[in-house]
Amino acid sequence: MSSIAAGLLMIGGTAFMLVAAIGLLRLPDLYTRMHALTKAGTLGIGLILISAAVSFADVSVATRAVVAFLFVLFTAPVSAHMIGRAGYLGGVPLWDGTAFDNWEVNYDTLQREGEGES
């Protein structure tokens, strides 16, 4: 029974990773690609790690899987934010269909902050 559950979790995780890869290829700009990779990728990795924990049925493996998933869960949003900010400050254009730009009003302030960092 646990091998079936592990297999289903692995298939689910792989499906989410596939969705993330398709999003990377099909979405129009850096920001939407980053969003797809962060959301679907994190869930896919989580399901795959849970699958490993269920498959091995060992406390040691389960603990490592949970710690690895927590690491990804806490670092993925921060890294996505930093990549998006670097892209925006670096002049990566928004998609033509973008409805609004929240940072446009404070762009000069953001530029001055970036100049002070070295």
C-alpha atoms as a PDB file:
ATOM      1  CA  MET A   1       0.000   0.000   0.000  1.00  0.00           C
ATOM      2  CA  SER A   2       2.810   2.432   0.802  1.00  0.00           C
ATOM      3  CA  SER A   3       4.437   1.777  -2.571  1.00  0.00           C
ATOM      4  CA  ILE A   4       1.197   2.778  -4.305  1.00  0.00           C
ATOM      5  CA  ALA A   5       0.983   5.971  -2.237  1.00  0.00           C
ATOM      6  CA  ALA A   6       4.644   6.729  -2.928  1.00  0.00           C
ATOM      7  CA  GLY A   7       4.088   6.155  -6.633  1.00  0.00           C
ATOM      8  CA  LEU A   8       1.059   8.442  -6.724  1.00  0.00           C
ATOM      9  CA  LEU A   9       2.939  11.152  -4.841  1.00  0.00           C
ATOM     10  CA  MET A  10       5.862  10.790  -7.252  1.00  0.00           C
ATOM     11  CA  ILE A  11       3.547  11.076 -10.266  1.00  0.00           C
ATOM     12  CA  GLY A  12       1.860  14.125  -8.730  1.00  0.00           C
ATOM     13  CA  GLY A  13       5.211  15.779  -8.011  1.00  0.00           C
ATOM     14  CA  THR A  14       6.446  15.020 -11.489  1.00  0.00           C
ATOM     15  CA  ALA A  15       3.249  16.467 -12.969  1.00  0.00           C
ATOM     16  CA  PHE A  16       3.752  19.728 -11.072  1.00  0.00           C
ATOM     17  CA  MET A  17       7.382  19.864 -12.165  1.00  0.00           C
ATOM     18  CA  LEU A  18       6.196  19.336 -15.756  1.00  0.00           C
ATOM     19  CA  VAL A  19       3.733  22.227 -15.359  1.00  0.00           C
ATOM     20  CA  ALA A  20       6.607  24.391 -14.073  1.00  0.00           C
ATOM     21  CA  ALA A  21       8.771  23.441 -17.069  1.00  0.00           C
ATOM     22  CA  ILE A  22       5.945  24.163 -19.510  1.00  0.00           C
ATOM     23  CA  GLY A  23       5.380  27.500 -17.772  1.00  0.00           C
ATOM     24  CA  LEU A  24       9.048  28.325 -18.208  1.00  0.00           C
ATOM     25  CA  LEU A  25       8.803  27.659 -21.925  1.00  0.00           C
ATOM     26  CA  ARG A  26       5.381  29.143 -22.669  1.00  0.00           C
ATOM     27  CA  LEU A  27       4.913  32.193 -20.450  1.00  0.00           C
ATOM     28  CA  PRO A  28       5.777  35.585 -21.945  1.00  0.00           C
ATOM     29  CA  ASP A  29       8.170  37.319 -19.533  1.00  0.00           C
ATOM     30  CA  LEU A  30      10.576  36.868 -16.645  1.00  0.00           C
ATOM     31  CA  TYR A  31       8.023  37.669 -13.979  1.00  0.00           C
ATOM     32  CA  THR A  32       5.320  35.206 -15.032  1.00  0.00           C
ATOM     33  CA  ARG A  33       7.933  32.501 -15.654  1.00  0.00           C
ATOM     34  CA  MET A  34       9.392  33.091 -12.227  1.00  0.00           C
ATOM     35  CA  HIS A  35       5.929  32.829 -10.680  1.00  0.00           C
ATOM     36  CA  ALA A  36       5.194  29.507 -12.402  1.00  0.00           C
ATOM     37  CA  LEU A  37       8.543  28.025 -11.429  1.00  0.00           C
ATOM     38  CA  THR A  38       8.264  29.115  -7.820  1.00  0.00           C
ATOM     39  CA  LYS A  39       4.724  27.888  -7.195  1.00  0.00           C
ATOM     40  CA  ALA A  40       4.573  24.678  -9.222  1.00  0.00           C
ATOM     41  CA  GLY A  41       8.219  23.819  -8.622  1.00  0.00           C
ATOM     42  CA  THR A  42       7.936  24.087  -4.851  1.00  0.00           C
ATOM     43  CA  LEU A  43       4.836  21.907  -4.748  1.00  0.00           C
ATOM     44  CA  GLY A  44       6.415  19.382  -7.114  1.00  0.00           C
ATOM     45  CA  ILE A  45       9.576  19.111  -5.038  1.00  0.00           C
ATOM     46  CA  GLY A  46       7.482  18.763  -1.882  1.00  0.00           C
ATOM     47  CA  LEU A  47       5.455  15.886  -3.305  1.00  0.00           C
ATOM     48  CA  ILE A  48       8.573  14.117  -4.558  1.00  0.00           C
ATOM     49  CA  LEU A  49      10.264  14.450  -1.160  1.00  0.00           C
ATOM     50  CA  ILE A  50       7.151  13.166   0.616  1.00  0.00           C
ATOM     51  CA  SER A  51       7.147  10.276  -1.845  1.00  0.00           C
ATOM     52  CA  ALA A  52      10.709   9.426  -0.863  1.00  0.00           C
ATOM     53  CA  ALA A  53       9.797   9.556   2.828  1.00  0.00           C
ATOM     54  CA  VAL A  54       6.800   7.257   2.292  1.00  0.00           C
ATOM     55  CA  SER A  55       8.754   4.899   0.065  1.00  0.00           C
ATOM     56  CA  PHE A  56      11.657   4.378   2.468  1.00  0.00           C
ATOM     57  CA  ALA A  57       9.453   4.369   5.597  1.00  0.00           C
ATOM     58  CA  ASP A  58      12.409   5.378   7.741  1.00  0.00           C
ATOM     59  CA  VAL A  59      12.453   8.171  10.306  1.00  0.00           C
ATOM     60  CA  SER A  60      15.886   9.321   9.158  1.00  0.00           C
ATOM     61  CA  VAL A  61      14.804   9.670   5.525  1.00  0.00           C
ATOM     62  CA  ALA A  62      11.500  11.294   6.516  1.00  0.00           C
ATOM     63  CA  THR A  63      13.298  13.842   8.685  1.00  0.00           C
ATOM     64  CA  ARG A  64      15.699  14.730   5.877  1.00  0.00           C
ATOM     65  CA  ALA A  65      12.837  15.006   3.408  1.00  0.00           C
ATOM     66  CA  VAL A  66      10.890  17.336   5.701  1.00  0.00           C
ATOM     67  CA  VAL A  67      13.964  19.492   6.374  1.00  0.00           C
ATOM     68  CA  ALA A  68      14.754  19.683   2.636  1.00  0.00           C
ATOM     69  CA  PHE A  69      11.154  20.627   1.835  1.00  0.00           C
ATOM     70  CA  LEU A  70      11.096  23.309   4.538  1.00  0.00           C
ATOM     71  CA  PHE A  71      14.345  24.708   3.152  1.00  0.00           C
ATOM     72  CA  VAL A  72      12.835  24.941  -0.341  1.00  0.00           C
ATOM     73  CA  LEU A  73       9.555  26.304   1.023  1.00  0.00           C
ATOM     74  CA  PHE A  74      11.307  29.120   2.902  1.00  0.00           C
ATOM     75  CA  THR A  75      13.950  30.012   0.305  1.00  0.00           C
ATOM     76  CA  ALA A  76      11.968  29.828  -2.956  1.00  0.00           C
ATOM     77  CA  PRO A  77       9.845  32.959  -2.348  1.00  0.00           C
ATOM     78  CA  VAL A  78      12.863  34.964  -1.221  1.00  0.00           C
ATOM     79  CA  SER A  79      14.940  33.936  -4.225  1.00  0.00           C
ATOM     80  CA  ALA A  80      12.028  34.604  -6.608  1.00  0.00           C
ATOM     81  CA  HIS A  81      11.586  38.072  -5.117  1.00  0.00           C
ATOM     82  CA  MET A  82      15.274  38.856  -5.477  1.00  0.00           C
ATOM     83  CA  ILE A  83      15.379  37.597  -9.077  1.00  0.00           C
ATOM     84  CA  GLY A  84      12.302  39.651  -9.932  1.00  0.00           C
ATOM     85  CA  ARG A  85      13.713  42.762  -8.310  1.00  0.00           C
ATOM     86  CA  ALA A  86      17.064  42.325 -10.052  1.00  0.00           C
ATOM     87  CA  GLY A  87      15.270  41.850 -13.355  1.00  0.00           C
ATOM     88  CA  TYR A  88      13.127  44.934 -12.834  1.00  0.00           C
ATOM     89  CA  LEU A  89      16.051  47.124 -11.806  1.00  0.00           C
ATOM     90  CA  GLY A  90      18.103  45.672 -14.651  1.00  0.00           C
ATOM     91  CA  GLY A  91      15.509  46.841 -17.134  1.00  0.00           C
ATOM     92  CA  VAL A  92      13.911  43.532 -18.127  1.00  0.00           C
ATOM     93  CA  PRO A  93      10.706  44.597 -19.881  1.00  0.00           C
ATOM     94  CA  LEU A  94       7.254  43.625 -18.669  1.00  0.00           C
ATOM     95  CA  TRP A  95       4.938  41.701 -20.959  1.00  0.00           C
ATOM     96  CA  ASP A  96       2.784  43.928 -23.176  1.00  0.00           C
ATOM     97  CA  GLY A  97      -0.354  42.503 -21.553  1.00  0.00           C
ATOM     98  CA  THR A  98       0.697  43.516 -18.035  1.00  0.00           C
ATOM     99  CA  ALA A  99      -2.204  45.418 -16.465  1.00  0.00           C
ATOM    100  CA  PHE A 100      -0.294  47.469 -13.876  1.00  0.00           C
ATOM    101  CA  ASP A 101       3.203  48.109 -12.586  1.00  0.00           C
ATOM    102  CA  ASN A 102       3.298  48.699  -8.826  1.00  0.00           C
ATOM    103  CA  TRP A 103       6.969  49.673  -8.813  1.00  0.00           C
ATOM    104  CA  GLU A 104       6.763  52.244 -11.596  1.00  0.00           C
ATOM    105  CA  VAL A 105       5.915  55.055  -9.157  1.00  0.00           C
ATOM    106  CA  ASN A 106       8.925  54.339  -6.932  1.00  0.00           C
ATOM    107  CA  TYR A 107      11.374  53.392  -9.688  1.00  0.00           C
ATOM    108  CA  ASP A 108      13.689  56.339  -8.961  1.00  0.00           C
ATOM    109  CA  THR A 109      13.810  55.421  -5.266  1.00  0.00           C
ATOM    110  CA  LEU A 110      14.576  51.793  -6.140  1.00  0.00           C
ATOM    111  CA  GLN A 111      17.348  52.896  -8.493  1.00  0.00           C
ATOM    112  CA  ARG A 112      18.951  55.057  -5.784  1.00  0.00           C
ATOM    113  CA  GLU A 113      18.797  52.125  -3.324  1.00  0.00           C
ATOM    114  CA  GLY A 114      20.505  49.889  -5.867  1.00  0.00           C
ATOM    115  CA  GLU A 115      23.288  52.396  -6.471  1.00  0.00           C
ATOM    116  CA  GLY A 116      24.195  52.499  -2.784  1.00  0.00           C
ATOM    117  CA  GLU A 117      24.670  48.711  -2.633  1.00  0.00           C
ATOM    118  CA  SER A 118      28.005  47.290  -3.684  1.00  0.00           C
END
